[in-house]
């Protein structure tokens, strides 16, 4: 949704300033659109969401003790999720963008 808002604001600024026509704006917006990049973005975001969920649930399920242990498990889940996302980002990019 953020990208849509950004383009909508860009359209408004372009038309109100008279810098370009609607047709020129559309052409410029679509000039560098590549469907493969969109597919890679969707695949990566789904994989990252799955990784984040699995790691956080795993850490939360096996935590024992009180509030201190819950905090430690949260920290472990955060660190492990970030590392896993970095590793899988490289792997997915290497596989899909060959």
Protein backbone atom coordinates (compact mmCIF):
# COMPACT_ATOMS: atom_id res chain seq x y z
CA UNK A 1 0.00 0.00 0.00
CA UNK A 2 2.92 2.34 0.66
CA UNK A 3 4.09 2.08 -2.93
CA UNK A 4 0.60 2.90 -4.18
CA UNK A 5 0.43 5.99 -1.98
CA UNK A 6 3.85 7.10 -3.15
CA UNK A 7 2.84 6.75 -6.82
CA UNK A 8 -0.49 8.46 -6.17
CA UNK A 9 1.29 11.42 -4.58
CA UNK A 10 3.72 11.45 -7.49
CA UNK A 11 0.82 11.50 -9.94
CA UNK A 12 -0.79 14.39 -8.10
CA UNK A 13 2.42 16.39 -8.00
CA UNK A 14 3.12 15.70 -11.67
CA UNK A 15 -0.33 16.70 -12.88
CA UNK A 16 -0.68 19.74 -10.61
CA UNK A 17 2.74 21.10 -11.57
CA UNK A 18 2.17 20.45 -15.26
CA UNK A 19 5.52 18.66 -15.53
CA UNK A 20 4.02 15.77 -17.52
CA UNK A 21 0.76 14.40 -18.82
CA UNK A 22 -1.07 11.37 -17.45
CA UNK A 23 0.15 9.26 -20.37
CA UNK A 24 3.76 10.27 -19.78
CA UNK A 25 3.41 9.47 -16.07
CA UNK A 26 2.00 6.00 -16.80
CA UNK A 27 4.73 5.30 -19.32
CA UNK A 28 7.43 6.33 -16.86
CA UNK A 29 5.86 4.25 -14.10
CA UNK A 30 5.78 1.10 -16.21
CA UNK A 31 9.04 1.63 -18.10
CA UNK A 32 11.17 -0.41 -15.74
CA UNK A 33 8.55 -2.83 -14.37
CA UNK A 34 9.78 -6.41 -14.54
CA UNK A 35 7.32 -9.18 -13.59
CA UNK A 36 10.17 -11.47 -12.48
CA UNK A 37 11.18 -8.98 -9.78
CA UNK A 38 7.60 -8.94 -8.51
CA UNK A 39 7.53 -12.76 -8.34
CA UNK A 40 10.84 -12.87 -6.46
CA UNK A 41 9.54 -10.25 -4.02
CA UNK A 42 6.39 -12.29 -3.30
CA UNK A 43 8.33 -15.56 -2.88
CA UNK A 44 10.86 -13.93 -0.55
CA UNK A 45 8.23 -12.26 1.62
CA UNK A 46 6.28 -15.52 2.03
CA UNK A 47 9.45 -17.44 2.92
CA UNK A 48 10.54 -14.78 5.41
CA UNK A 49 7.12 -14.74 7.06
CA UNK A 50 7.22 -18.53 7.37
CA UNK A 51 10.74 -18.46 8.83
CA UNK A 52 9.84 -15.78 11.33
CA UNK A 53 6.71 -17.61 12.45
CA UNK A 54 8.35 -21.01 12.77
CA UNK A 55 11.35 -19.75 14.72
CA UNK A 56 9.29 -17.59 17.07
CA UNK A 57 6.78 -20.39 17.72
CA UNK A 58 9.57 -22.90 18.31
CA UNK A 59 11.29 -20.64 20.82
CA UNK A 60 8.02 -19.80 22.56
CA UNK A 61 6.84 -23.40 22.75
CA UNK A 62 9.96 -24.70 24.45
CA UNK A 63 10.52 -21.85 26.91
CA UNK A 64 10.47 -22.89 30.55
CA UNK A 65 10.49 -20.69 33.62
CA UNK A 66 9.33 -17.17 34.23
CA UNK A 67 9.52 -13.77 32.70
CA UNK A 68 13.30 -13.73 32.40
CA UNK A 69 13.30 -16.92 30.34
CA UNK A 70 10.52 -15.56 28.13
CA UNK A 71 12.63 -12.47 27.48
CA UNK A 72 15.66 -14.61 26.66
CA UNK A 73 13.59 -16.79 24.32
CA UNK A 74 12.29 -13.66 22.59
CA UNK A 75 15.83 -12.40 22.10
CA UNK A 76 16.92 -15.81 20.74
CA UNK A 77 13.97 -15.88 18.37
CA UNK A 78 14.74 -12.37 17.12
CA UNK A 79 18.43 -13.09 16.51
CA UNK A 80 17.82 -16.48 14.92
CA UNK A 81 15.08 -15.07 12.69
CA UNK A 82 17.30 -12.25 11.46
CA UNK A 83 20.18 -14.61 10.70
CA UNK A 84 17.85 -17.09 8.96
CA UNK A 85 16.33 -14.30 6.86
CA UNK A 86 19.77 -13.10 5.76
CA UNK A 87 20.84 -16.62 4.81
CA UNK A 88 17.61 -17.44 2.99
CA UNK A 89 17.63 -14.07 1.23
CA UNK A 90 20.98 -14.99 -0.28
CA UNK A 91 19.86 -18.53 -1.15
CA UNK A 92 16.58 -17.47 -2.74
CA UNK A 93 18.26 -14.69 -4.73
CA UNK A 94 20.97 -17.08 -5.92
CA UNK A 95 18.39 -19.64 -7.06
CA UNK A 96 15.78 -17.36 -8.62
CA UNK A 97 18.00 -14.69 -10.16
CA UNK A 98 20.56 -16.88 -11.94
